[in-house]
Amino acid sequence: AEVRYCGLDDAEEQLFNVVSVRTREA
């Protein structure tokens, strides 16, 4: 459904090393 760099907690620096894949089903 969607792929994006993970939105990390504000305390963590986003280094674009975490990728989240949102699937259409569970």
mmCIF file of all heavy atoms, coordinates in Angstrom:
data_MODEL
# 
_entry.id   MODEL 
# 
loop_
_atom_site.group_PDB 
_atom_site.id 
_atom_site.type_symbol 
_atom_site.label_atom_id 
_atom_site.label_alt_id 
_atom_site.label_comp_id 
_atom_site.label_asym_id 
_atom_site.label_entity_id 
_atom_site.label_seq_id 
_atom_site.pdbx_PDB_ins_code 
_atom_site.Cartn_x 
_atom_site.Cartn_y 
_atom_site.Cartn_z 
_atom_site.occupancy 
_atom_site.B_iso_or_equiv 
_atom_site.pdbx_formal_charge 
_atom_site.auth_seq_id 
_atom_site.auth_comp_id 
_atom_site.auth_asym_id 
_atom_site.auth_atom_id 
_atom_site.pdbx_PDB_model_num 
ATOM 1   N N   . ALA A 1 1  ? 0.830  -1.199  0.000  1.00 0.00 ? 1  ALA A N   1 
ATOM 2   C CA  . ALA A 1 1  ? 0.000  0.000   0.000  1.00 0.00 ? 1  ALA A CA  1 
ATOM 3   C C   . ALA A 1 1  ? 0.868  1.254   0.000  1.00 0.00 ? 1  ALA A C   1 
ATOM 4   O O   . ALA A 1 1  ? 0.551  2.234   -0.663 1.00 0.00 ? 1  ALA A O   1 
ATOM 5   C CB  . ALA A 1 1  ? -0.920 0.007   1.221  1.00 0.00 ? 1  ALA A CB  1 
ATOM 6   N N   . GLU A 1 2  ? 1.999  1.222   0.731  1.00 0.00 ? 2  GLU A N   1 
ATOM 7   C CA  . GLU A 1 2  ? 2.862  2.399   0.846  1.00 0.00 ? 2  GLU A CA  1 
ATOM 8   C C   . GLU A 1 2  ? 4.236  1.967   1.336  1.00 0.00 ? 2  GLU A C   1 
ATOM 9   O O   . GLU A 1 2  ? 4.355  1.024   2.113  1.00 0.00 ? 2  GLU A O   1 
ATOM 10  C CB  . GLU A 1 2  ? 2.256  3.383   1.856  1.00 0.00 ? 2  GLU A CB  1 
ATOM 11  C CG  . GLU A 1 2  ? 3.109  4.599   2.123  1.00 0.00 ? 2  GLU A CG  1 
ATOM 12  C CD  . GLU A 1 2  ? 2.587  5.454   3.271  1.00 0.00 ? 2  GLU A CD  1 
ATOM 13  O OE1 . GLU A 1 2  ? 2.113  4.903   4.284  1.00 0.00 ? 2  GLU A OE1 1 
ATOM 14  O OE2 . GLU A 1 2  ? 2.677  6.682   3.133  1.00 0.00 ? 2  GLU A OE2 1 
ATOM 15  N N   . VAL A 1 3  ? 5.254  2.678   0.883  1.00 0.00 ? 3  VAL A N   1 
ATOM 16  C CA  . VAL A 1 3  ? 6.614  2.474   1.369  1.00 0.00 ? 3  VAL A CA  1 
ATOM 17  C C   . VAL A 1 3  ? 7.171  3.854   1.686  1.00 0.00 ? 3  VAL A C   1 
ATOM 18  O O   . VAL A 1 3  ? 7.028  4.791   0.895  1.00 0.00 ? 3  VAL A O   1 
ATOM 19  C CB  . VAL A 1 3  ? 7.517  1.785   0.317  1.00 0.00 ? 3  VAL A CB  1 
ATOM 20  C CG1 . VAL A 1 3  ? 8.895  1.505   0.889  1.00 0.00 ? 3  VAL A CG1 1 
ATOM 21  C CG2 . VAL A 1 3  ? 6.884  0.495   -0.185 1.00 0.00 ? 3  VAL A CG2 1 
ATOM 22  N N   . ARG A 1 4  ? 7.797  3.982   2.846  1.00 0.00 ? 4  ARG A N   1 
ATOM 23  C CA  . ARG A 1 4  ? 8.365  5.281   3.208  1.00 0.00 ? 4  ARG A CA  1 
ATOM 24  C C   . ARG A 1 4  ? 9.487  5.090   4.213  1.00 0.00 ? 4  ARG A C   1 
ATOM 25  O O   . ARG A 1 4  ? 9.600  4.031   4.831  1.00 0.00 ? 4  ARG A O   1 
ATOM 26  C CB  . ARG A 1 4  ? 7.302  6.211   3.780  1.00 0.00 ? 4  ARG A CB  1 
ATOM 27  C CG  . ARG A 1 4  ? 6.695  5.733   5.084  1.00 0.00 ? 4  ARG A CG  1 
ATOM 28  C CD  . ARG A 1 4  ? 5.598  6.678   5.547  1.00 0.00 ? 4  ARG A CD  1 
ATOM 29  N NE  . ARG A 1 4  ? 4.995  6.221   6.774  1.00 0.00 ? 4  ARG A NE  1 
ATOM 30  C CZ  . ARG A 1 4  ? 5.406  6.534   7.994  1.00 0.00 ? 4  ARG A CZ  1 
ATOM 31  N NH1 . ARG A 1 4  ? 6.464  7.292   8.165  1.00 0.00 ? 4  ARG A NH1 1 
ATOM 32  N NH2 . ARG A 1 4  ? 4.776  6.076   9.047  1.00 0.00 ? 4  ARG A NH2 1 
ATOM 33  N N   . TYR A 1 5  ? 10.289 6.134   4.332  1.00 0.00 ? 5  TYR A N   1 
ATOM 34  C CA  . TYR A 1 5  ? 11.266 6.114   5.407  1.00 0.00 ? 5  TYR A CA  1 
ATOM 35  C C   . TYR A 1 5  ? 10.493 6.284   6.697  1.00 0.00 ? 5  TYR A C   1 
ATOM 36  O O   . TYR A 1 5  ? 9.536  7.057   6.774  1.00 0.00 ? 5  TYR A O   1 
ATOM 37  C CB  . TYR A 1 5  ? 12.304 7.217   5.235  1.00 0.00 ? 5  TYR A CB  1 
ATOM 38  C CG  . TYR A 1 5  ? 13.288 6.898   4.139  1.00 0.00 ? 5  TYR A CG  1 
ATOM 39  C CD1 . TYR A 1 5  ? 13.253 7.576   2.931  1.00 0.00 ? 5  TYR A CD1 1 
ATOM 40  C CD2 . TYR A 1 5  ? 14.232 5.897   4.309  1.00 0.00 ? 5  TYR A CD2 1 
ATOM 41  C CE1 . TYR A 1 5  ? 14.140 7.269   1.920  1.00 0.00 ? 5  TYR A CE1 1 
ATOM 42  C CE2 . TYR A 1 5  ? 15.123 5.573   3.299  1.00 0.00 ? 5  TYR A CE2 1 
ATOM 43  C CZ  . TYR A 1 5  ? 15.075 6.268   2.109  1.00 0.00 ? 5  TYR A CZ  1 
ATOM 44  O OH  . TYR A 1 5  ? 15.955 5.958   1.110  1.00 0.00 ? 5  TYR A OH  1 
ATOM 45  N N   . CYS A 1 6  ? 10.892 5.548   7.696  1.00 0.00 ? 6  CYS A N   1 
ATOM 46  C CA  . CYS A 1 6  ? 10.148 5.492   8.943  1.00 0.00 ? 6  CYS A CA  1 
ATOM 47  C C   . CYS A 1 6  ? 10.185 6.822   9.668  1.00 0.00 ? 6  CYS A C   1 
ATOM 48  O O   . CYS A 1 6  ? 11.234 7.451   9.777  1.00 0.00 ? 6  CYS A O   1 
ATOM 49  C CB  . CYS A 1 6  ? 10.760 4.406   9.830  1.00 0.00 ? 6  CYS A CB  1 
ATOM 50  S SG  . CYS A 1 6  ? 9.778  4.054   11.269 1.00 0.00 ? 6  CYS A SG  1 
ATOM 51  N N   . GLY A 1 7  ? 9.033  7.235   10.158 1.00 0.00 ? 7  GLY A N   1 
ATOM 52  C CA  . GLY A 1 7  ? 8.966  8.409   11.015 1.00 0.00 ? 7  GLY A CA  1 
ATOM 53  C C   . GLY A 1 7  ? 9.389  7.996   12.409 1.00 0.00 ? 7  GLY A C   1 
ATOM 54  O O   . GLY A 1 7  ? 8.649  7.312   13.100 1.00 0.00 ? 7  GLY A O   1 
ATOM 55  N N   . LEU A 1 8  ? 10.588 8.367   12.788 1.00 0.00 ? 8  LEU A N   1 
ATOM 56  C CA  . LEU A 1 8  ? 11.116 7.965   14.084 1.00 0.00 ? 8  LEU A CA  1 
ATOM 57  C C   . LEU A 1 8  ? 10.726 8.967   15.154 1.00 0.00 ? 8  LEU A C   1 
ATOM 58  O O   . LEU A 1 8  ? 10.368 10.111  14.874 1.00 0.00 ? 8  LEU A O   1 
ATOM 59  C CB  . LEU A 1 8  ? 12.639 7.838   14.014 1.00 0.00 ? 8  LEU A CB  1 
ATOM 60  C CG  . LEU A 1 8  ? 13.165 6.793   13.033 1.00 0.00 ? 8  LEU A CG  1 
ATOM 61  C CD1 . LEU A 1 8  ? 14.677 6.828   12.975 1.00 0.00 ? 8  LEU A CD1 1 
ATOM 62  C CD2 . LEU A 1 8  ? 12.699 5.408   13.442 1.00 0.00 ? 8  LEU A CD2 1 
ATOM 63  N N   . ASP A 1 9  ? 10.821 8.560   16.398 1.00 0.00 ? 9  ASP A N   1 
ATOM 64  C CA  . ASP A 1 9  ? 10.600 9.427   17.542 1.00 0.00 ? 9  ASP A CA  1 
ATOM 65  C C   . ASP A 1 9  ? 11.443 10.690  17.395 1.00 0.00 ? 9  ASP A C   1 
ATOM 66  O O   . ASP A 1 9  ? 12.553 10.652  16.862 1.00 0.00 ? 9  ASP A O   1 
ATOM 67  C CB  . ASP A 1 9  ? 11.021 8.640   18.801 1.00 0.00 ? 9  ASP A CB  1 
ATOM 68  C CG  . ASP A 1 9  ? 10.772 9.398   20.071 1.00 0.00 ? 9  ASP A CG  1 
ATOM 69  O OD1 . ASP A 1 9  ? 11.469 10.406  20.291 1.00 0.00 ? 9  ASP A OD1 1 
ATOM 70  O OD2 . ASP A 1 9  ? 9.897  8.971   20.845 1.00 0.00 ? 9  ASP A OD2 1 
ATOM 71  N N   . ASP A 1 10 ? 10.947 11.806  17.875 1.00 0.00 ? 10 ASP A N   1 
ATOM 72  C CA  . ASP A 1 10 ? 11.663 13.078  17.742 1.00 0.00 ? 10 ASP A CA  1 
ATOM 73  C C   . ASP A 1 10 ? 13.069 13.035  18.321 1.00 0.00 ? 10 ASP A C   1 
ATOM 74  O O   . ASP A 1 10 ? 13.943 13.783  17.910 1.00 0.00 ? 10 ASP A O   1 
ATOM 75  C CB  . ASP A 1 10 ? 10.875 14.209  18.407 1.00 0.00 ? 10 ASP A CB  1 
ATOM 76  C CG  . ASP A 1 10 ? 9.615  14.549  17.635 1.00 0.00 ? 10 ASP A CG  1 
ATOM 77  O OD1 . ASP A 1 10 ? 9.554  14.242  16.423 1.00 0.00 ? 10 ASP A OD1 1 
ATOM 78  O OD2 . ASP A 1 10 ? 8.693  15.111  18.247 1.00 0.00 ? 10 ASP A OD2 1 
ATOM 79  N N   . ALA A 1 11 ? 13.289 12.170  19.295 1.00 0.00 ? 11 ALA A N   1 
ATOM 80  C CA  . ALA A 1 11 ? 14.610 12.075  19.918 1.00 0.00 ? 11 ALA A CA  1 
ATOM 81  C C   . ALA A 1 11 ? 15.619 11.350  19.037 1.00 0.00 ? 11 ALA A C   1 
ATOM 82  O O   . ALA A 1 11 ? 16.814 11.441  19.247 1.00 0.00 ? 11 ALA A O   1 
ATOM 83  C CB  . ALA A 1 11 ? 14.505 11.369  21.268 1.00 0.00 ? 11 ALA A CB  1 
ATOM 84  N N   . GLU A 1 12 ? 15.131 10.611  18.043 1.00 0.00 ? 12 GLU A N   1 
ATOM 85  C CA  . GLU A 1 12 ? 16.010 9.856   17.159 1.00 0.00 ? 12 GLU A CA  1 
ATOM 86  C C   . GLU A 1 12 ? 16.234 10.615  15.863 1.00 0.00 ? 12 GLU A C   1 
ATOM 87  O O   . GLU A 1 12 ? 15.302 11.158  15.276 1.00 0.00 ? 12 GLU A O   1 
ATOM 88  C CB  . GLU A 1 12 ? 15.397 8.493   16.806 1.00 0.00 ? 12 GLU A CB  1 
ATOM 89  C CG  . GLU A 1 12 ? 15.263 7.555   17.985 1.00 0.00 ? 12 GLU A CG  1 
ATOM 90  C CD  . GLU A 1 12 ? 14.673 6.228   17.557 1.00 0.00 ? 12 GLU A CD  1 
ATOM 91  O OE1 . GLU A 1 12 ? 15.463 5.332   17.188 1.00 0.00 ? 12 GLU A OE1 1 
ATOM 92  O OE2 . GLU A 1 12 ? 13.439 6.109   17.571 1.00 0.00 ? 12 GLU A OE2 1 
ATOM 93  N N   . GLU A 1 13 ? 17.487 10.661  15.417 1.00 0.00 ? 13 GLU A N   1 
ATOM 94  C CA  . GLU A 1 13 ? 17.813 11.312  14.153 1.00 0.00 ? 13 GLU A CA  1 
ATOM 95  C C   . GLU A 1 13 ? 17.476 10.371  12.998 1.00 0.00 ? 13 GLU A C   1 
ATOM 96  O O   . GLU A 1 13 ? 17.852 9.205   13.020 1.00 0.00 ? 13 GLU A O   1 
ATOM 97  C CB  . GLU A 1 13 ? 19.297 11.667  14.125 1.00 0.00 ? 13 GLU A CB  1 
ATOM 98  C CG  . GLU A 1 13 ? 19.723 12.367  12.865 1.00 0.00 ? 13 GLU A CG  1 
ATOM 99  C CD  . GLU A 1 13 ? 21.216 12.665  12.839 1.00 0.00 ? 13 GLU A CD  1 
ATOM 100 O OE1 . GLU A 1 13 ? 21.919 12.345  13.812 1.00 0.00 ? 13 GLU A OE1 1 
ATOM 101 O OE2 . GLU A 1 13 ? 21.666 13.200  11.826 1.00 0.00 ? 13 GLU A OE2 1 
ATOM 102 N N   . GLN A 1 14 ? 16.755 10.870  11.998 1.00 0.00 ? 14 GLN A N   1 
ATOM 103 C CA  . GLN A 1 14 ? 16.413 10.051  10.829 1.00 0.00 ? 14 GLN A CA  1 
ATOM 104 C C   . GLN A 1 14 ? 17.613 10.017  9.897  1.00 0.00 ? 14 GLN A C   1 
ATOM 105 O O   . GLN A 1 14 ? 17.997 11.024  9.340  1.00 0.00 ? 14 GLN A O   1 
ATOM 106 C CB  . GLN A 1 14 ? 15.192 10.616  10.108 1.00 0.00 ? 14 GLN A CB  1 
ATOM 107 C CG  . GLN A 1 14 ? 14.856 9.912   8.803  1.00 0.00 ? 14 GLN A CG  1 
ATOM 108 C CD  . GLN A 1 14 ? 14.634 8.418   8.915  1.00 0.00 ? 14 GLN A CD  1 
ATOM 109 O OE1 . GLN A 1 14 ? 15.570 7.634   8.883  1.00 0.00 ? 14 GLN A OE1 1 
ATOM 110 N NE2 . GLN A 1 14 ? 13.398 8.013   9.021  1.00 0.00 ? 14 GLN A NE2 1 
ATOM 111 N N   . LEU A 1 15 ? 18.216 8.864   9.770  1.00 0.00 ? 15 LEU A N   1 
ATOM 112 C CA  . LEU A 1 15 ? 19.359 8.676   8.881  1.00 0.00 ? 15 LEU A CA  1 
ATOM 113 C C   . LEU A 1 15 ? 18.954 7.922   7.626  1.00 0.00 ? 15 LEU A C   1 
ATOM 114 O O   . LEU A 1 15 ? 19.799 7.469   6.879  1.00 0.00 ? 15 LEU A O   1 
ATOM 115 C CB  . LEU A 1 15 ? 20.491 7.943   9.609  1.00 0.00 ? 15 LEU A CB  1 
ATOM 116 C CG  . LEU A 1 15 ? 21.043 8.670   10.826 1.00 0.00 ? 15 LEU A CG  1 
ATOM 117 C CD1 . LEU A 1 15 ? 22.089 7.816   11.534 1.00 0.00 ? 15 LEU A CD1 1 
ATOM 118 C CD2 . LEU A 1 15 ? 21.634 10.014  10.442 1.00 0.00 ? 15 LEU A CD2 1 
ATOM 119 N N   . PHE A 1 16 ? 17.658 7.779   7.412  1.00 0.00 ? 16 PHE A N   1 
ATOM 120 C CA  . PHE A 1 16 ? 17.144 7.078   6.243  1.00 0.00 ? 16 PHE A CA  1 
ATOM 121 C C   . PHE A 1 16 ? 17.647 5.647   6.174  1.00 0.00 ? 16 PHE A C   1 
ATOM 122 O O   . PHE A 1 16 ? 17.917 5.117   5.116  1.00 0.00 ? 16 PHE A O   1 
ATOM 123 C CB  . PHE A 1 16 ? 17.441 7.865   4.965  1.00 0.00 ? 16 PHE A CB  1 
ATOM 124 C CG  . PHE A 1 16 ? 16.841 9.230   4.996  1.00 0.00 ? 16 PHE A CG  1 
ATOM 125 C CD1 . PHE A 1 16 ? 17.606 10.346  5.282  1.00 0.00 ? 16 PHE A CD1 1 
ATOM 126 C CD2 . PHE A 1 16 ? 15.486 9.395   4.786  1.00 0.00 ? 16 PHE A CD2 1 
ATOM 127 C CE1 . PHE A 1 16 ? 17.036 11.599  5.346  1.00 0.00 ? 16 PHE A CE1 1 
ATOM 128 C CE2 . PHE A 1 16 ? 14.903 10.648  4.851  1.00 0.00 ? 16 PHE A CE2 1 
ATOM 129 C CZ  . PHE A 1 16 ? 15.684 11.756  5.134  1.00 0.00 ? 16 PHE A CZ  1 
ATOM 130 N N   . ASN A 1 17 ? 17.760 5.026   7.337  1.00 0.00 ? 17 ASN A N   1 
ATOM 131 C CA  . ASN A 1 17 ? 18.167 3.632   7.415  1.00 0.00 ? 17 ASN A CA  1 
ATOM 132 C C   . ASN A 1 17 ? 17.058 2.752   7.972  1.00 0.00 ? 17 ASN A C   1 
ATOM 133 O O   . ASN A 1 17 ? 17.295 1.604   8.320  1.00 0.00 ? 17 ASN A O   1 
ATOM 134 C CB  . ASN A 1 17 ? 19.431 3.476   8.260  1.00 0.00 ? 17 ASN A CB  1 
ATOM 135 C CG  . ASN A 1 17 ? 20.660 3.953   7.522  1.00 0.00 ? 17 ASN A CG  1 
ATOM 136 O OD1 . ASN A 1 17 ? 20.673 4.023   6.302  1.00 0.00 ? 17 ASN A OD1 1 
ATOM 137 N ND2 . ASN A 1 17 ? 21.696 4.296   8.255  1.00 0.00 ? 17 ASN A ND2 1 
ATOM 138 N N   . VAL A 1 18 ? 15.840 3.310   8.089  1.00 0.00 ? 18 VAL A N   1 
ATOM 139 C CA  . VAL A 1 18 ? 14.686 2.542   8.537  1.00 0.00 ? 18 VAL A CA  1 
ATOM 140 C C   . VAL A 1 18 ? 13.583 2.745   7.501  1.00 0.00 ? 18 VAL A C   1 
ATOM 141 O O   . VAL A 1 18 ? 13.153 3.873   7.256  1.00 0.00 ? 18 VAL A O   1 
ATOM 142 C CB  . VAL A 1 18 ? 14.195 2.994   9.933  1.00 0.00 ? 18 VAL A CB  1 
ATOM 143 C CG1 . VAL A 1 18 ? 12.983 2.165   10.353 1.00 0.00 ? 18 VAL A CG1 1 
ATOM 144 C CG2 . VAL A 1 18 ? 15.312 2.876   10.964 1.00 0.00 ? 18 VAL A CG2 1 
ATOM 145 N N   . VAL A 1 19 ? 13.150 1.650   6.883  1.00 0.00 ? 19 VAL A N   1 
ATOM 146 C CA  . VAL A 1 19 ? 12.107 1.717   5.851  1.00 0.00 ? 19 VAL A CA  1 
ATOM 147 C C   . VAL A 1 19 ? 10.894 0.933   6.330  1.00 0.00 ? 19 VAL A C   1 
ATOM 148 O O   . VAL A 1 19 ? 11.023 -0.211  6.779  1.00 0.00 ? 19 VAL A O   1 
ATOM 149 C CB  . VAL A 1 19 ? 12.617 1.137   4.509  1.00 0.00 ? 19 VAL A CB  1 
ATOM 150 C CG1 . VAL A 1 19 ? 11.496 1.078   3.484  1.00 0.00 ? 19 VAL A CG1 1 
ATOM 151 C CG2 . VAL A 1 19 ? 13.774 1.972   3.985  1.00 0.00 ? 19 VAL A CG2 1 
ATOM 152 N N   . SER A 1 20 ? 9.723  1.561   6.239  1.00 0.00 ? 20 SER A N   1 
ATOM 153 C CA  . SER A 1 20 ? 8.473  0.906   6.623  1.00 0.00 ? 20 SER A CA  1 
ATOM 154 C C   . SER A 1 20 ? 7.662  0.588   5.375  1.00 0.00 ? 20 SER A C   1 
ATOM 155 O O   . SER A 1 20 ? 7.480  1.450   4.516  1.00 0.00 ? 20 SER A O   1 
ATOM 156 C CB  . SER A 1 20 ? 7.637  1.821   7.525  1.00 0.00 ? 20 SER A CB  1 
ATOM 157 O OG  . SER A 1 20 ? 8.235  1.914   8.794  1.00 0.00 ? 20 SER A OG  1 
ATOM 158 N N   . VAL A 1 21 ? 7.184  -0.644  5.316  1.00 0.00 ? 21 VAL A N   1 
ATOM 159 C CA  . VAL A 1 21 ? 6.326  -1.082  4.220  1.00 0.00 ? 21 VAL A CA  1 
ATOM 160 C C   . VAL A 1 21 ? 4.934  -1.300  4.799  1.00 0.00 ? 21 VAL A C   1 
ATOM 161 O O   . VAL A 1 21 ? 4.749  -2.122  5.702  1.00 0.00 ? 21 VAL A O   1 
ATOM 162 C CB  . VAL A 1 21 ? 6.849  -2.387  3.578  1.00 0.00 ? 21 VAL A CB  1 
ATOM 163 C CG1 . VAL A 1 21 ? 5.906  -2.862  2.475  1.00 0.00 ? 21 VAL A CG1 1 
ATOM 164 C CG2 . VAL A 1 21 ? 8.270  -2.195  3.051  1.00 0.00 ? 21 VAL A CG2 1 
ATOM 165 N N   . ARG A 1 22 ? 3.970  -0.557  4.311  1.00 0.00 ? 22 ARG A N   1 
ATOM 166 C CA  . ARG A 1 22 ? 2.583  -0.699  4.722  1.00 0.00 ? 22 ARG A CA  1 
ATOM 167 C C   . ARG A 1 22 ? 1.931  -1.645  3.723  1.00 0.00 ? 22 ARG A C   1 
ATOM 168 O O   . ARG A 1 22 ? 1.968  -1.417  2.518  1.00 0.00 ? 22 ARG A O   1 
ATOM 169 C CB  . ARG A 1 22 ? 1.884  0.660   4.715  1.00 0.00 ? 22 ARG A CB  1 
ATOM 170 C CG  . ARG A 1 22 ? 0.454  0.653   5.083  1.00 0.00 ? 22 ARG A CG  1 
ATOM 171 C CD  . ARG A 1 22 ? 0.120  0.429   6.539  1.00 0.00 ? 22 ARG A CD  1 
ATOM 172 N NE  . ARG A 1 22 ? 0.930  1.217   7.447  1.00 0.00 ? 22 ARG A NE  1 
ATOM 173 C CZ  . ARG A 1 22 ? 1.242  0.812   8.676  1.00 0.00 ? 22 ARG A CZ  1 
ATOM 174 N NH1 . ARG A 1 22 ? 0.820  -0.347  9.122  1.00 0.00 ? 22 ARG A NH1 1 
ATOM 175 N NH2 . ARG A 1 22 ? 1.964  1.560   9.461  1.00 0.00 ? 22 ARG A NH2 1 
ATOM 176 N N   . THR A 1 23 ? 1.368  -2.748  4.226  1.00 0.00 ? 23 THR A N   1 
ATOM 177 C CA  . THR A 1 23 ? 0.754  -3.753  3.361  1.00 0.00 ? 23 THR A CA  1 
ATOM 178 C C   . THR A 1 23 ? -0.756 -3.519  3.260  1.00 0.00 ? 23 THR A C   1 
ATOM 179 O O   . THR A 1 23 ? -1.358 -2.876  4.119  1.00 0.00 ? 23 THR A O   1 
ATOM 180 C CB  . THR A 1 23 ? 1.035  -5.169  3.894  1.00 0.00 ? 23 THR A CB  1 
ATOM 181 O OG1 . THR A 1 23 ? 0.525  -5.281  5.226  1.00 0.00 ? 23 THR A OG1 1 
ATOM 182 C CG2 . THR A 1 23 ? 2.532  -5.453  3.894  1.00 0.00 ? 23 THR A CG2 1 
ATOM 183 N N   . ARG A 1 24 ? -1.345 -4.034  2.203  1.00 0.00 ? 24 ARG A N   1 
ATOM 184 C CA  . ARG A 1 24 ? -2.789 -3.856  1.982  1.00 0.00 ? 24 ARG A CA  1 
ATOM 185 C C   . ARG A 1 24 ? -3.619 -4.708  2.950  1.00 0.00 ? 24 ARG A C   1 
ATOM 186 O O   . ARG A 1 24 ? -4.738 -4.362  3.281  1.00 0.00 ? 24 ARG A O   1 
ATOM 187 C CB  . ARG A 1 24 ? -3.151 -4.217  0.545  1.00 0.00 ? 24 ARG A CB  1 
ATOM 188 C CG  . ARG A 1 24 ? -2.534 -3.281  -0.475 1.00 0.00 ? 24 ARG A CG  1 
ATOM 189 C CD  . ARG A 1 24 ? -3.092 -3.527  -1.871 1.00 0.00 ? 24 ARG A CD  1 
ATOM 190 N NE  . ARG A 1 24 ? -2.334 -2.799  -2.869 1.00 0.00 ? 24 ARG A NE  1 
ATOM 191 C CZ  . ARG A 1 24 ? -2.424 -1.493  -3.081 1.00 0.00 ? 24 ARG A CZ  1 
ATOM 192 N NH1 . ARG A 1 24 ? -3.228 -0.769  -2.352 1.00 0.00 ? 24 ARG A NH1 1 
ATOM 193 N NH2 . ARG A 1 24 ? -1.686 -0.910  -4.015 1.00 0.00 ? 24 ARG A NH2 1 
ATOM 194 N N   . GLU A 1 25 ? -3.060 -5.839  3.364  1.00 0.00 ? 25 GLU A N   1 
ATOM 195 C CA  . GLU A 1 25 ? -3.750 -6.734  4.290  1.00 0.00 ? 25 GLU A CA  1 
ATOM 196 C C   . GLU A 1 25 ? -2.909 -6.863  5.548  1.00 0.00 ? 25 GLU A C   1 
ATOM 197 O O   . GLU A 1 25 ? -1.755 -6.450  5.586  1.00 0.00 ? 25 GLU A O   1 
ATOM 198 C CB  . GLU A 1 25 ? -3.964 -8.101  3.636  1.00 0.00 ? 25 GLU A CB  1 
ATOM 199 C CG  . GLU A 1 25 ? -4.864 -8.041  2.414  1.00 0.00 ? 25 GLU A CG  1 
ATOM 200 C CD  . GLU A 1 25 ? -5.103 -9.402  1.791  1.00 0.00 ? 25 GLU A CD  1 
ATOM 201 O OE1 . GLU A 1 25 ? -4.728 -10.421 2.398  1.00 0.00 ? 25 GLU A OE1 1 
ATOM 202 O OE2 . GLU A 1 25 ? -5.671 -9.437  0.687  1.00 0.00 ? 25 GLU A OE2 1 
ATOM 203 N N   . ALA A 1 26 ? -3.476 -7.463  6.591  1.00 0.00 ? 26 ALA A N   1 
ATOM 204 C CA  . ALA A 1 26 ? -2.753 -7.646  7.854  1.00 0.00 ? 26 ALA A CA  1 
ATOM 205 C C   . ALA A 1 26 ? -1.415 -8.340  7.593  1.00 0.00 ? 26 ALA A C   1 
ATOM 206 O O   . ALA A 1 26 ? -1.338 -9.268  6.784  1.00 0.00 ? 26 ALA A O   1 
ATOM 207 C CB  . ALA A 1 26 ? -3.603 -8.451  8.827  1.00 0.00 ? 26 ALA A CB  1 
# 
